[in-house]
C-alpha atoms as a PDB file:
ATOM      1  CA  UNK A   1     -82.980   9.000 -45.135  1.00  0.00           C
ATOM      2  CA  UNK A   2     -82.074  12.428 -46.455  1.00  0.00           C
ATOM      3  CA  UNK A   3     -78.435  11.406 -46.565  1.00  0.00           C
ATOM      4  CA  UNK A   4     -79.294   8.316 -48.558  1.00  0.00           C
ATOM      5  CA  UNK A   5     -81.420  10.291 -50.995  1.00  0.00           C
ATOM      6  CA  UNK A   6     -78.692  12.859 -51.418  1.00  0.00           C
ATOM      7  CA  UNK A   7     -76.076  10.168 -52.030  1.00  0.00           C
ATOM      8  CA  UNK A   8     -78.373   8.491 -54.592  1.00  0.00           C
ATOM      9  CA  UNK A   9     -78.994  11.835 -56.324  1.00  0.00           C
ATOM     10  CA  UNK A  10     -75.244  12.576 -56.412  1.00  0.00           C
ATOM     11  CA  UNK A  11     -74.516   9.125 -57.831  1.00  0.00           C
ATOM     12  CA  UNK A  12     -77.194   9.554 -60.447  1.00  0.00           C
ATOM     13  CA  UNK A  13     -75.861  12.976 -61.419  1.00  0.00           C
ATOM     14  CA  UNK A  14     -72.333  11.585 -61.809  1.00  0.00           C
ATOM     15  CA  UNK A  15     -73.645   8.679 -63.855  1.00  0.00           C
ATOM     16  CA  UNK A  16     -75.503  10.983 -66.233  1.00  0.00           C
ATOM     17  CA  UNK A  17     -72.499  13.275 -66.449  1.00  0.00           C
ATOM     18  CA  UNK A  18     -70.307  10.285 -67.293  1.00  0.00           C
ATOM     19  CA  UNK A  19     -72.652   9.301 -70.122  1.00  0.00           C
ATOM     20  CA  UNK A  20     -72.634  12.857 -71.431  1.00  0.00           C
ATOM     21  CA  UNK A  21     -68.824  12.941 -71.459  1.00  0.00           C
ATOM     22  CA  UNK A  22     -68.708   9.577 -73.188  1.00  0.00           C
ATOM     23  CA  UNK A  23     -71.161  10.782 -75.851  1.00  0.00           C
ATOM     24  CA  UNK A  24     -69.096  13.902 -76.424  1.00  0.00           C
ATOM     25  CA  UNK A  25     -66.021  11.698 -76.919  1.00  0.00           C
ATOM     26  CA  UNK A  26     -67.961   9.406 -79.262  1.00  0.00           C
ATOM     27  CA  UNK A  27     -68.934  12.416 -81.382  1.00  0.00           C
ATOM     28  CA  UNK A  28     -65.289  13.382 -81.866  1.00  0.00           C
ATOM     29  CA  UNK A  29     -64.164  13.612 -85.502  1.00  0.00           C
ATOM     30  CA  UNK A  30     -61.195  11.417 -86.485  1.00  0.00           C
ATOM     31  CA  UNK A  31     -57.747  12.972 -86.164  1.00  0.00           C
ATOM     32  CA  UNK A  32     -56.093  14.140 -89.364  1.00  0.00           C
ATOM     33  CA  UNK A  33     -54.662  11.215 -91.294  1.00  0.00           C
ATOM     34  CA  UNK A  34     -50.848  11.261 -91.246  1.00  0.00           C
ATOM     35  CA  UNK A  35     -49.115  11.796 -94.547  1.00  0.00           C
ATOM     36  CA  UNK A  36     -49.165   8.666 -96.747  1.00  0.00           C
ATOM     37  CA  UNK A  37     -46.510   6.255 -95.613  1.00  0.00           C
ATOM     38  CA  UNK A  38     -45.666   2.924 -97.178  1.00  0.00           C
ATOM     39  CA  UNK A  39     -45.088   1.192 -93.847  1.00  0.00           C
ATOM     40  CA  UNK A  40     -44.746  -2.300 -95.295  1.00  0.00           C
ATOM     41  CA  UNK A  41     -43.326  -1.697 -98.785  1.00  0.00           C
ATOM     42  CA  UNK A  42     -46.431  -2.697-100.670  1.00  0.00           C
ATOM     43  CA  UNK A  43     -44.480  -2.818-103.899  1.00  0.00           C
ATOM     44  CA  UNK A  44     -42.898  -6.022-102.625  1.00  0.00           C
ATOM     45  CA  UNK A  45     -46.208  -7.748-102.123  1.00  0.00           C
ATOM     46  CA  UNK A  46     -46.218  -9.943-105.197  1.00  0.00           C
ATOM     47  CA  UNK A  47     -47.337 -13.521-104.838  1.00  0.00           C
ATOM     48  CA  UNK A  48     -44.540 -15.984-105.624  1.00  0.00           C
ATOM     49  CA  UNK A  49     -44.999 -18.076-108.716  1.00  0.00           C
ATOM     50  CA  UNK A  50     -47.452 -20.945-108.179  1.00  0.00           C
ATOM     51  CA  UNK A  51     -48.386 -24.028-110.170  1.00  0.00           C
ATOM     52  CA  UNK A  52     -52.117 -23.211-109.780  1.00  0.00           C
ATOM     53  CA  UNK A  53     -54.286 -20.069-110.070  1.00  0.00           C
ATOM     54  CA  UNK A  54     -56.305 -18.883-107.086  1.00  0.00           C
ATOM     55  CA  UNK A  55     -59.485 -20.940-106.722  1.00  0.00           C
ATOM     56  CA  UNK A  56     -62.792 -19.198-107.329  1.00  0.00           C
ATOM     57  CA  UNK A  57     -64.583 -17.629-104.410  1.00  0.00           C
ATOM     58  CA  UNK A  58     -67.197 -19.799-102.796  1.00  0.00           C
ATOM     59  CA  UNK A  59     -69.986 -18.864-100.371  1.00  0.00           C
ATOM     60  CA  UNK A  60     -71.230 -20.261 -97.118  1.00  0.00           C
ATOM     61  CA  UNK A  61     -74.245 -19.215 -95.063  1.00  0.00           C
ATOM     62  CA  UNK A  62     -73.517 -17.702 -91.645  1.00  0.00           C
ATOM     63  CA  UNK A  63     -76.066 -18.142 -88.846  1.00  0.00           C
ATOM     64  CA  UNK A  64     -77.747 -14.823 -89.726  1.00  0.00           C
ATOM     65  CA  UNK A  65     -78.203 -15.934 -93.353  1.00  0.00           C
ATOM     66  CA  UNK A  66     -75.382 -13.733 -94.739  1.00  0.00           C
ATOM     67  CA  UNK A  67     -73.422 -15.343 -97.531  1.00  0.00           C
ATOM     68  CA  UNK A  68     -69.729 -14.975 -96.777  1.00  0.00           C
ATOM     69  CA  UNK A  69     -66.797 -15.593 -99.126  1.00  0.00           C
ATOM     70  CA  UNK A  70     -63.895 -18.009 -98.929  1.00  0.00           C
ATOM     71  CA  UNK A  71     -61.488 -19.948-101.127  1.00  0.00           C
ATOM     72  CA  UNK A  72     -60.495 -23.549-100.594  1.00  0.00           C
ATOM     73  CA  UNK A  73     -57.331 -25.256-101.817  1.00  0.00           C
ATOM     74  CA  UNK A  74     -57.869 -28.982-102.019  1.00  0.00           C
ATOM     75  CA  UNK A  75     -55.178 -31.450-100.973  1.00  0.00           C
ATOM     76  CA  UNK A  76     -54.497 -35.129-100.392  1.00  0.00           C
ATOM     77  CA  UNK A  77     -54.052 -34.275 -96.689  1.00  0.00           C
ATOM     78  CA  UNK A  78     -56.932 -34.574 -94.224  1.00  0.00           C
ATOM     79  CA  UNK A  79     -55.793 -31.642 -92.068  1.00  0.00           C
ATOM     80  CA  UNK A  80     -57.575 -28.340 -92.699  1.00  0.00           C
ATOM     81  CA  UNK A  81     -55.787 -24.995 -92.259  1.00  0.00           C
ATOM     82  CA  UNK A  82     -58.175 -22.023 -91.993  1.00  0.00           C
ATOM     83  CA  UNK A  83     -55.911 -19.022 -92.482  1.00  0.00           C
ATOM     84  CA  UNK A  84     -57.225 -15.506 -91.691  1.00  0.00           C
ATOM     85  CA  UNK A  85     -55.937 -12.445 -93.535  1.00  0.00           C
ATOM     86  CA  UNK A  86     -54.521  -9.324 -91.919  1.00  0.00           C
ATOM     87  CA  UNK A  87     -56.140  -5.910 -91.525  1.00  0.00           C
ATOM     88  CA  UNK A  88     -57.600  -4.143 -94.576  1.00  0.00           C
ATOM     89  CA  UNK A  89     -57.018  -6.996 -97.026  1.00  0.00           C
ATOM     90  CA  UNK A  90     -58.611 -10.419 -97.841  1.00  0.00           C
ATOM     91  CA  UNK A  91     -57.724 -14.023 -98.378  1.00  0.00           C
ATOM     92  CA  UNK A  92     -56.314 -13.748-101.886  1.00  0.00           C
ATOM     93  CA  UNK A  93     -53.155 -12.178-100.577  1.00  0.00           C
ATOM     94  CA  UNK A  94     -52.078 -15.555 -99.183  1.00  0.00           C
ATOM     95  CA  UNK A  95     -52.343 -17.521-102.406  1.00  0.00           C
ATOM     96  CA  UNK A  96     -48.650 -18.498-102.543  1.00  0.00           C
ATOM     97  CA  UNK A  97     -48.619 -19.987 -99.047  1.00  0.00           C
ATOM     98  CA  UNK A  98     -51.958 -21.748 -99.538  1.00  0.00           C
ATOM     99  CA  UNK A  99     -50.991 -23.252-102.875  1.00  0.00           C
ATOM    100  CA  UNK A 100     -47.669 -24.558-101.572  1.00  0.00           C
ATOM    101  CA  UNK A 101     -49.259 -26.233 -98.535  1.00  0.00           C
ATOM    102  CA  UNK A 102     -52.072 -27.778-100.552  1.00  0.00           C
ATOM    103  CA  UNK A 103     -49.914 -29.007-103.449  1.00  0.00           C
ATOM    104  CA  UNK A 104     -47.345 -30.335-100.943  1.00  0.00           C
ATOM    105  CA  UNK A 105     -49.934 -32.581 -99.388  1.00  0.00           C
ATOM    106  CA  UNK A 106     -49.694 -30.713 -96.059  1.00  0.00           C
ATOM    107  CA  UNK A 107     -53.255 -29.459 -95.602  1.00  0.00           C
ATOM    108  CA  UNK A 108     -56.404 -28.398 -97.299  1.00  0.00           C
ATOM    109  CA  UNK A 109     -56.210 -24.589 -96.994  1.00  0.00           C
ATOM    110  CA  UNK A 110     -59.226 -22.349 -96.555  1.00  0.00           C
ATOM    111  CA  UNK A 111     -58.817 -18.587 -97.003  1.00  0.00           C
ATOM    112  CA  UNK A 112     -61.904 -16.736 -95.739  1.00  0.00           C
ATOM    113  CA  UNK A 113     -62.715 -13.113 -96.503  1.00  0.00           C
ATOM    114  CA  UNK A 114     -63.864 -12.003 -93.110  1.00  0.00           C
ATOM    115  CA  UNK A 115     -67.206 -10.272 -92.814  1.00  0.00           C
ATOM    116  CA  UNK A 116     -66.849  -6.596 -93.440  1.00  0.00           C
ATOM    117  CA  UNK A 117     -64.103  -7.106 -96.045  1.00  0.00           C
ATOM    118  CA  UNK A 118     -63.989  -7.632 -99.787  1.00  0.00           C
ATOM    119  CA  UNK A 119     -66.995  -9.574-101.076  1.00  0.00           C
ATOM    120  CA  UNK A 120     -68.130 -10.544 -97.542  1.00  0.00           C
ATOM    121  CA  UNK A 121     -70.959  -8.946 -95.582  1.00  0.00           C
ATOM    122  CA  UNK A 122     -73.374  -6.164 -96.384  1.00  0.00           C
ATOM    123  CA  UNK A 123     -71.217  -3.292 -95.101  1.00  0.00           C
ATOM    124  CA  UNK A 124     -67.478  -2.820 -95.728  1.00  0.00           C
ATOM    125  CA  UNK A 125     -65.604  -2.268 -92.477  1.00  0.00           C
ATOM    126  CA  UNK A 126     -68.399  -3.332 -90.127  1.00  0.00           C
ATOM    127  CA  UNK A 127     -70.091  -6.319 -88.511  1.00  0.00           C
ATOM    128  CA  UNK A 128     -73.356  -6.613 -86.632  1.00  0.00           C
ATOM    129  CA  UNK A 129     -72.089  -7.242 -83.114  1.00  0.00           C
ATOM    130  CA  UNK A 130     -68.901  -7.832 -81.122  1.00  0.00           C
ATOM    131  CA  UNK A 131     -67.873 -11.467 -81.484  1.00  0.00           C
ATOM    132  CA  UNK A 132     -69.595 -12.051 -84.803  1.00  0.00           C
ATOM    133  CA  UNK A 133     -66.334 -12.946 -86.564  1.00  0.00           C
ATOM    134  CA  UNK A 134     -65.847 -15.867 -84.166  1.00  0.00           C
ATOM    135  CA  UNK A 135     -69.378 -17.039 -84.887  1.00  0.00           C
ATOM    136  CA  UNK A 136     -68.699 -16.712 -88.628  1.00  0.00           C
ATOM    137  CA  UNK A 137     -65.611 -18.934 -88.460  1.00  0.00           C
ATOM    138  CA  UNK A 138     -67.516 -21.493 -86.410  1.00  0.00           C
ATOM    139  CA  UNK A 139     -70.190 -21.438 -89.129  1.00  0.00           C
ATOM    140  CA  UNK A 140     -67.537 -21.867 -91.787  1.00  0.00           C
ATOM    141  CA  UNK A 141     -66.232 -24.931 -89.928  1.00  0.00           C
ATOM    142  CA  UNK A 142     -69.782 -26.265 -89.787  1.00  0.00           C
ATOM    143  CA  UNK A 143     -70.086 -25.767 -93.537  1.00  0.00           C
ATOM    144  CA  UNK A 144     -66.812 -27.618 -94.146  1.00  0.00           C
ATOM    145  CA  UNK A 145     -67.954 -30.490 -91.987  1.00  0.00           C
ATOM    146  CA  UNK A 146     -71.172 -30.543 -93.983  1.00  0.00           C
ATOM    147  CA  UNK A 147     -68.989 -31.087 -97.078  1.00  0.00           C
ATOM    148  CA  UNK A 148     -67.616 -34.201 -95.304  1.00  0.00           C
ATOM    149  CA  UNK A 149     -64.224 -32.688 -94.623  1.00  0.00           C
ATOM    150  CA  UNK A 150     -63.416 -34.503 -91.385  1.00  0.00           C
ATOM    151  CA  UNK A 151     -59.728 -33.722 -90.774  1.00  0.00           C
ATOM    152  CA  UNK A 152     -58.467 -31.874 -87.693  1.00  0.00           C
ATOM    153  CA  UNK A 153     -58.450 -28.082 -87.985  1.00  0.00           C
ATOM    154  CA  UNK A 154     -55.585 -25.660 -87.515  1.00  0.00           C
ATOM    155  CA  UNK A 155     -56.623 -22.016 -87.249  1.00  0.00           C
ATOM    156  CA  UNK A 156     -53.993 -19.623 -88.531  1.00  0.00           C
ATOM    157  CA  UNK A 157     -53.623 -16.011 -89.415  1.00  0.00           C
ATOM    158  CA  UNK A 158     -51.246 -13.211 -90.267  1.00  0.00           C
ATOM    159  CA  UNK A 159     -51.018  -9.925 -88.363  1.00  0.00           C
ATOM    160  CA  UNK A 160     -54.540  -9.048 -87.243  1.00  0.00           C
ATOM    161  CA  UNK A 161     -55.599 -12.460 -88.529  1.00  0.00           C
ATOM    162  CA  UNK A 162     -53.162 -13.984 -86.075  1.00  0.00           C
ATOM    163  CA  UNK A 163     -54.604 -11.801 -83.347  1.00  0.00           C
ATOM    164  CA  UNK A 164     -58.063 -13.024 -84.279  1.00  0.00           C
ATOM    165  CA  UNK A 165     -56.880 -16.679 -83.969  1.00  0.00           C
ATOM    166  CA  UNK A 166     -55.716 -15.893 -80.429  1.00  0.00           C
ATOM    167  CA  UNK A 167     -59.116 -14.392 -79.624  1.00  0.00           C
ATOM    168  CA  UNK A 168     -60.805 -17.483 -81.030  1.00  0.00           C
ATOM    169  CA  UNK A 169     -58.749 -19.707 -78.740  1.00  0.00           C
ATOM    170  CA  UNK A 170     -60.121 -17.845 -75.710  1.00  0.00           C
ATOM    171  CA  UNK A 171     -63.734 -18.001 -76.871  1.00  0.00           C
ATOM    172  CA  UNK A 172     -66.614 -20.459 -76.773  1.00  0.00           C
ATOM    173  CA  UNK A 173     -65.818 -22.050 -80.187  1.00  0.00           C
ATOM    174  CA  UNK A 174     -62.252 -23.057 -79.386  1.00  0.00           C
ATOM    175  CA  UNK A 175     -63.189 -26.730 -79.111  1.00  0.00           C
ATOM    176  CA  UNK A 176     -63.549 -26.750 -82.918  1.00  0.00           C
ATOM    177  CA  UNK A 177     -59.802 -26.143 -83.406  1.00  0.00           C
ATOM    178  CA  UNK A 178     -56.854 -28.400 -82.470  1.00  0.00           C
ATOM    179  CA  UNK A 179     -53.814 -26.163 -83.178  1.00  0.00           C
ATOM    180  CA  UNK A 180     -52.786 -22.655 -84.209  1.00  0.00           C
ATOM    181  CA  UNK A 181     -50.422 -21.029 -86.719  1.00  0.00           C
ATOM    182  CA  UNK A 182     -49.658 -17.387 -85.902  1.00  0.00           C
ATOM    183  CA  UNK A 183     -47.565 -15.290 -88.347  1.00  0.00           C
ATOM    184  CA  UNK A 184     -46.617 -11.905 -86.820  1.00  0.00           C
ATOM    185  CA  UNK A 185     -49.775 -11.875 -84.714  1.00  0.00           C
ATOM    186  CA  UNK A 186     -51.059  -8.416 -83.750  1.00  0.00           C
ATOM    187  CA  UNK A 187     -52.063  -7.781 -80.151  1.00  0.00           C
ATOM    188  CA  UNK A 188     -53.043  -4.094 -80.228  1.00  0.00           C
ATOM    189  CA  UNK A 189     -53.320  -3.546 -76.457  1.00  0.00           C
ATOM    190  CA  UNK A 190     -49.794  -4.955 -75.867  1.00  0.00           C
ATOM    191  CA  UNK A 191     -46.456  -3.167 -75.920  1.00  0.00           C
ATOM    192  CA  UNK A 192     -45.433  -5.300 -78.860  1.00  0.00           C
ATOM    193  CA  UNK A 193     -47.128  -2.908 -81.272  1.00  0.00           C
ATOM    194  CA  UNK A 194     -44.575  -0.426 -82.537  1.00  0.00           C
ATOM    195  CA  UNK A 195     -45.569   3.167 -81.620  1.00  0.00           C
ATOM    196  CA  UNK A 196     -48.898   1.773 -80.531  1.00  0.00           C
ATOM    197  CA  UNK A 197     -50.028   2.018 -84.130  1.00  0.00           C
ATOM    198  CA  UNK A 198     -48.224  -0.790 -85.899  1.00  0.00           C
ATOM    199  CA  UNK A 199     -45.390   1.492 -86.942  1.00  0.00           C
ATOM    200  CA  UNK A 200     -47.775   4.095 -88.363  1.00  0.00           C
ATOM    201  CA  UNK A 201     -50.053   1.639 -90.194  1.00  0.00           C
ATOM    202  CA  UNK A 202     -53.135   2.412 -88.069  1.00  0.00           C
ATOM    203  CA  UNK A 203     -54.608   5.794 -87.184  1.00  0.00           C
ATOM    204  CA  UNK A 204     -56.950   5.573 -84.186  1.00  0.00           C
ATOM    205  CA  UNK A 205     -59.624   7.996 -83.112  1.00  0.00           C
ATOM    206  CA  UNK A 206     -58.718   7.597 -79.449  1.00  0.00           C
ATOM    207  CA  UNK A 207     -61.314   9.999 -78.108  1.00  0.00           C
ATOM    208  CA  UNK A 208     -64.153   8.095 -79.847  1.00  0.00           C
ATOM    209  CA  UNK A 209     -62.562   4.780 -78.806  1.00  0.00           C
ATOM    210  CA  UNK A 210     -62.457   5.743 -75.141  1.00  0.00           C
ATOM    211  CA  UNK A 211     -66.026   7.001 -75.277  1.00  0.00           C
ATOM    212  CA  UNK A 212     -67.254   3.740 -76.815  1.00  0.00           C
ATOM    213  CA  UNK A 213     -65.334   1.654 -74.230  1.00  0.00           C
ATOM    214  CA  UNK A 214     -67.111   3.618 -71.489  1.00  0.00           C
ATOM    215  CA  UNK A 215     -70.519   3.195 -73.068  1.00  0.00           C
ATOM    216  CA  UNK A 216     -69.921  -0.542 -73.640  1.00  0.00           C
ATOM    217  CA  UNK A 217     -68.965  -0.916 -69.980  1.00  0.00           C
ATOM    218  CA  UNK A 218     -72.514   0.052 -69.000  1.00  0.00           C
ATOM    219  CA  UNK A 219     -74.159  -1.988 -71.749  1.00  0.00           C
ATOM    220  CA  UNK A 220     -74.781   0.745 -74.344  1.00  0.00           C
ATOM    221  CA  UNK A 221     -73.944  -0.633 -77.829  1.00  0.00           C
ATOM    222  CA  UNK A 222     -75.933   1.635 -80.083  1.00  0.00           C
ATOM    223  CA  UNK A 223     -72.849   3.510 -81.326  1.00  0.00           C
ATOM    224  CA  UNK A 224     -70.609   0.470 -81.932  1.00  0.00           C
ATOM    225  CA  UNK A 225     -70.987   0.801 -85.674  1.00  0.00           C
ATOM    226  CA  UNK A 226     -69.034   4.101 -85.669  1.00  0.00           C
ATOM    227  CA  UNK A 227     -65.574   3.812 -87.196  1.00  0.00           C
ATOM    228  CA  UNK A 228     -62.557   4.173 -84.916  1.00  0.00           C
ATOM    229  CA  UNK A 229     -59.565   3.205 -87.010  1.00  0.00           C
ATOM    230  CA  UNK A 230     -58.165   4.027 -90.459  1.00  0.00           C
ATOM    231  CA  UNK A 231     -55.267   2.441 -92.283  1.00  0.00           C
ATOM    232  CA  UNK A 232     -52.441   4.358 -93.892  1.00  0.00           C
ATOM    233  CA  UNK A 233     -52.145   2.640 -97.243  1.00  0.00           C
ATOM    234  CA  UNK A 234     -50.926   5.031 -99.947  1.00  0.00           C
ATOM    235  CA  UNK A 235     -53.509   5.555-102.658  1.00  0.00           C
ATOM    236  CA  UNK A 236     -51.123   4.450-105.392  1.00  0.00           C
ATOM    237  CA  UNK A 237     -51.369   0.923-104.063  1.00  0.00           C
ATOM    238  CA  UNK A 238     -55.172   0.781-103.821  1.00  0.00           C
ATOM    239  CA  UNK A 239     -56.894  -1.801-106.020  1.00  0.00           C
ATOM    240  CA  UNK A 240     -60.471  -1.411-104.783  1.00  0.00           C
ATOM    241  CA  UNK A 241     -60.446  -4.614-102.705  1.00  0.00           C
ATOM    242  CA  UNK A 242     -58.962  -3.082 -99.571  1.00  0.00           C
ATOM    243  CA  UNK A 243     -60.996  -2.048 -96.522  1.00  0.00           C
ATOM    244  CA  UNK A 244     -59.390   1.111 -95.139  1.00  0.00           C
ATOM    245  CA  UNK A 245     -61.404   1.716 -91.942  1.00  0.00           C
ATOM    246  CA  UNK A 246     -63.111  -0.350 -89.275  1.00  0.00           C
ATOM    247  CA  UNK A 247     -65.991   0.167 -86.926  1.00  0.00           C
ATOM    248  CA  UNK A 248     -65.522  -0.263 -83.175  1.00  0.00           C
ATOM    249  CA  UNK A 249     -67.312  -3.599 -83.157  1.00  0.00           C
ATOM    250  CA  UNK A 250     -65.329  -5.018 -86.085  1.00  0.00           C
ATOM    251  CA  UNK A 251     -62.029  -3.836 -84.666  1.00  0.00           C
ATOM    252  CA  UNK A 252     -62.793  -5.363 -81.243  1.00  0.00           C
ATOM    253  CA  UNK A 253     -63.975  -8.612 -82.866  1.00  0.00           C
ATOM    254  CA  UNK A 254     -60.744  -8.891 -84.846  1.00  0.00           C
ATOM    255  CA  UNK A 255     -58.248  -8.885 -81.976  1.00  0.00           C
ATOM    256  CA  UNK A 256     -57.551 -10.559 -78.658  1.00  0.00           C
ATOM    257  CA  UNK A 257     -59.585  -9.364 -75.720  1.00  0.00           C
ATOM    258  CA  UNK A 258     -58.289  -6.508 -73.573  1.00  0.00           C
ATOM    259  CA  UNK A 259     -56.999  -9.052 -71.055  1.00  0.00           C
ATOM    260  CA  UNK A 260     -55.224 -10.837 -73.881  1.00  0.00           C
ATOM    261  CA  UNK A 261     -53.128 -13.119 -71.652  1.00  0.00           C
ATOM    262  CA  UNK A 262     -56.259 -15.156 -70.914  1.00  0.00           C
ATOM    263  CA  UNK A 263     -56.747 -15.749 -74.629  1.00  0.00           C
ATOM    264  CA  UNK A 264     -53.047 -16.630 -75.029  1.00  0.00           C
ATOM    265  CA  UNK A 265     -53.206 -19.047 -72.142  1.00  0.00           C
ATOM    266  CA  UNK A 266     -56.057 -20.924 -73.867  1.00  0.00           C
ATOM    267  CA  UNK A 267     -53.964 -21.696 -77.027  1.00  0.00           C
ATOM    268  CA  UNK A 268     -53.417 -25.333 -77.922  1.00  0.00           C
ATOM    269  CA  UNK A 269     -50.274 -26.478 -79.892  1.00  0.00           C
ATOM    270  CA  UNK A 270     -49.063 -23.319 -81.562  1.00  0.00           C
ATOM    271  CA  UNK A 271     -46.348 -22.128 -83.899  1.00  0.00           C
ATOM    272  CA  UNK A 272     -45.531 -18.423 -83.817  1.00  0.00           C
ATOM    273  CA  UNK A 273     -43.262 -16.891 -86.476  1.00  0.00           C
ATOM    274  CA  UNK A 274     -42.232 -13.286 -86.870  1.00  0.00           C
ATOM    275  CA  UNK A 275     -39.599 -11.507 -88.896  1.00  0.00           C
ATOM    276  CA  UNK A 276     -36.712  -9.861 -87.103  1.00  0.00           C
ATOM    277  CA  UNK A 277     -37.303  -6.780 -89.277  1.00  0.00           C
ATOM    278  CA  UNK A 278     -41.088  -6.609 -88.771  1.00  0.00           C
ATOM    279  CA  UNK A 279     -42.188  -3.009 -89.262  1.00  0.00           C
ATOM    280  CA  UNK A 280     -45.351  -3.230 -87.155  1.00  0.00           C
ATOM    281  CA  UNK A 281     -44.573  -5.595 -84.265  1.00  0.00           C
ATOM    282  CA  UNK A 282     -41.525  -5.737 -82.012  1.00  0.00           C
ATOM    283  CA  UNK A 283     -40.330  -9.387 -82.097  1.00  0.00           C
ATOM    284  CA  UNK A 284     -38.583  -9.290 -78.725  1.00  0.00           C
ATOM    285  CA  UNK A 285     -41.616  -7.768 -76.990  1.00  0.00           C
ATOM    286  CA  UNK A 286     -43.889 -10.331 -78.623  1.00  0.00           C
ATOM    287  CA  UNK A 287     -41.599 -13.174 -77.574  1.00  0.00           C
ATOM    288  CA  UNK A 288     -41.657 -11.945 -73.984  1.00  0.00           C
ATOM    289  CA  UNK A 289     -45.482 -11.907 -73.976  1.00  0.00           C
ATOM    290  CA  UNK A 290     -45.681 -15.500 -75.250  1.00  0.00           C
ATOM    291  CA  UNK A 291     -42.978 -16.663 -72.863  1.00  0.00           C
ATOM    292  CA  UNK A 292     -45.117 -15.413 -69.971  1.00  0.00           C
ATOM    293  CA  UNK A 293     -48.642 -16.236 -71.104  1.00  0.00           C
ATOM    294  CA  UNK A 294     -48.181 -19.171 -73.490  1.00  0.00           C
ATOM    295  CA  UNK A 295     -44.743 -20.702 -72.763  1.00  0.00           C
ATOM    296  CA  UNK A 296     -45.464 -23.969 -74.574  1.00  0.00           C
ATOM    297  CA  UNK A 297     -45.750 -22.327 -77.950  1.00  0.00           C
ATOM    298  CA  UNK A 298     -43.031 -22.749 -80.577  1.00  0.00           C
ATOM    299  CA  UNK A 299     -41.701 -19.223 -81.106  1.00  0.00           C
ATOM    300  CA  UNK A 300     -39.378 -18.410 -84.004  1.00  0.00           C
ATOM    301  CA  UNK A 301     -37.868 -15.080 -84.935  1.00  0.00           C
ATOM    302  CA  UNK A 302     -36.736 -15.243 -88.584  1.00  0.00           C
ATOM    303  CA  UNK A 303     -33.665 -13.122 -89.501  1.00  0.00           C
ATOM    304  CA  UNK A 304     -33.805 -10.641 -92.413  1.00  0.00           C
ATOM    305  CA  UNK A 305     -37.560 -10.916 -92.678  1.00  0.00           C
ATOM    306  CA  UNK A 306     -40.278  -8.252 -92.501  1.00  0.00           C
ATOM    307  CA  UNK A 307     -44.064  -8.149 -91.925  1.00  0.00           C
ATOM    308  CA  UNK A 308     -45.008  -9.370 -95.407  1.00  0.00           C
ATOM    309  CA  UNK A 309     -41.990 -11.618 -95.859  1.00  0.00           C
ATOM    310  CA  UNK A 310     -43.095 -13.872 -92.992  1.00  0.00           C
ATOM    311  CA  UNK A 311     -45.878 -15.303 -95.206  1.00  0.00           C
ATOM    312  CA  UNK A 312     -44.606 -14.443 -98.646  1.00  0.00           C
ATOM    313  CA  UNK A 313     -41.150 -16.078 -98.580  1.00  0.00           C
ATOM    314  CA  UNK A 314     -41.075 -19.610-100.045  1.00  0.00           C
ATOM    315  CA  UNK A 315     -38.127 -20.647 -97.891  1.00  0.00           C
ATOM    316  CA  UNK A 316     -40.335 -20.177 -94.806  1.00  0.00           C
ATOM    317  CA  UNK A 317     -43.093 -22.443 -95.995  1.00  0.00           C
ATOM    318  CA  UNK A 318     -41.222 -25.614 -95.071  1.00  0.00           C
ATOM    319  CA  UNK A 319     -41.056 -24.917 -91.300  1.00  0.00           C
ATOM    320  CA  UNK A 320     -44.774 -24.105 -91.436  1.00  0.00           C
ATOM    321  CA  UNK A 321     -45.373 -27.381 -93.287  1.00  0.00           C
ATOM    322  CA  UNK A 322     -43.275 -29.266 -90.746  1.00  0.00           C
ATOM    323  CA  UNK A 323     -45.347 -27.880 -87.882  1.00  0.00           C
ATOM    324  CA  UNK A 324     -48.600 -28.823 -89.586  1.00  0.00           C
ATOM    325  CA  UNK A 325     -47.349 -32.362 -90.376  1.00  0.00           C
ATOM    326  CA  UNK A 326     -46.358 -32.792 -86.770  1.00  0.00           C
ATOM    327  CA  UNK A 327     -49.947 -32.089 -85.780  1.00  0.00           C
ATOM    328  CA  UNK A 328     -51.309 -34.807 -87.996  1.00  0.00           C
ATOM    329  CA  UNK A 329     -52.378 -36.910 -85.052  1.00  0.00           C
ATOM    330  CA  UNK A 330     -53.878 -34.067 -83.035  1.00  0.00           C
END
């Protein structure tokens, strides 16, 4: 009996010590931000000429009552493409692609501003719980159905938005979506991320991150609202609509799960496109990941194309349109 009590006391002591260490890590200040670096050449991010202006922002009610923002581009097509923006930005950055697909009769295109981003949610850079972004997109789909939009749904995204689409495929709402469009999808826990930071785009507070992972493992979520990541966008390119840091729970909600291959394996019909010159993601490493975990996906590496060019180059909109048209009966 004494041995059992001693073992229990020892285990309890180690458990408490582990919590203390995790809390110390959680309290760690962020590392110094690297010198400003224009990783993606933001000066090139100009929307190609379009026949229509961006539609006005609309609102839909999420299940918690929060009014979240989105734009919708109408079309003669029944198919609906919900396309999720990359980290720090919002849906308006994808106007050129959305306008081309809608005017071309390919799909009605919906560009949400994810909760925690410009004009969506009560706190910039944060959500209420891990997984809320998936619930929000499910609620958006419910709202679209309530507007009598009955066409099949493709979920797409660029960069972190593509990573989110992968996460969605592995979650409980995947039945709402029939196919996926992934443009330079980000999988942060994979070796496809250049330098582990998207080529210097992201600055992570690793000590806090590890502490929060440990606390989450034992069911402690009270510190999940603390921010763990900042984005290295030079101030000269700021326009006030960017979101330059994320909480732990938003960052986790935005990307595939740690065991990302399970999410990849759950994908339905999928087109993946990435530029050969992508600054943040290694195309060959990404291709190898998909070849192993999701071999039925259509994977294309586009020559002479970078991270922004993959969605902002008009010549690339036709293969995207062709994929979406091919899904018309799905």
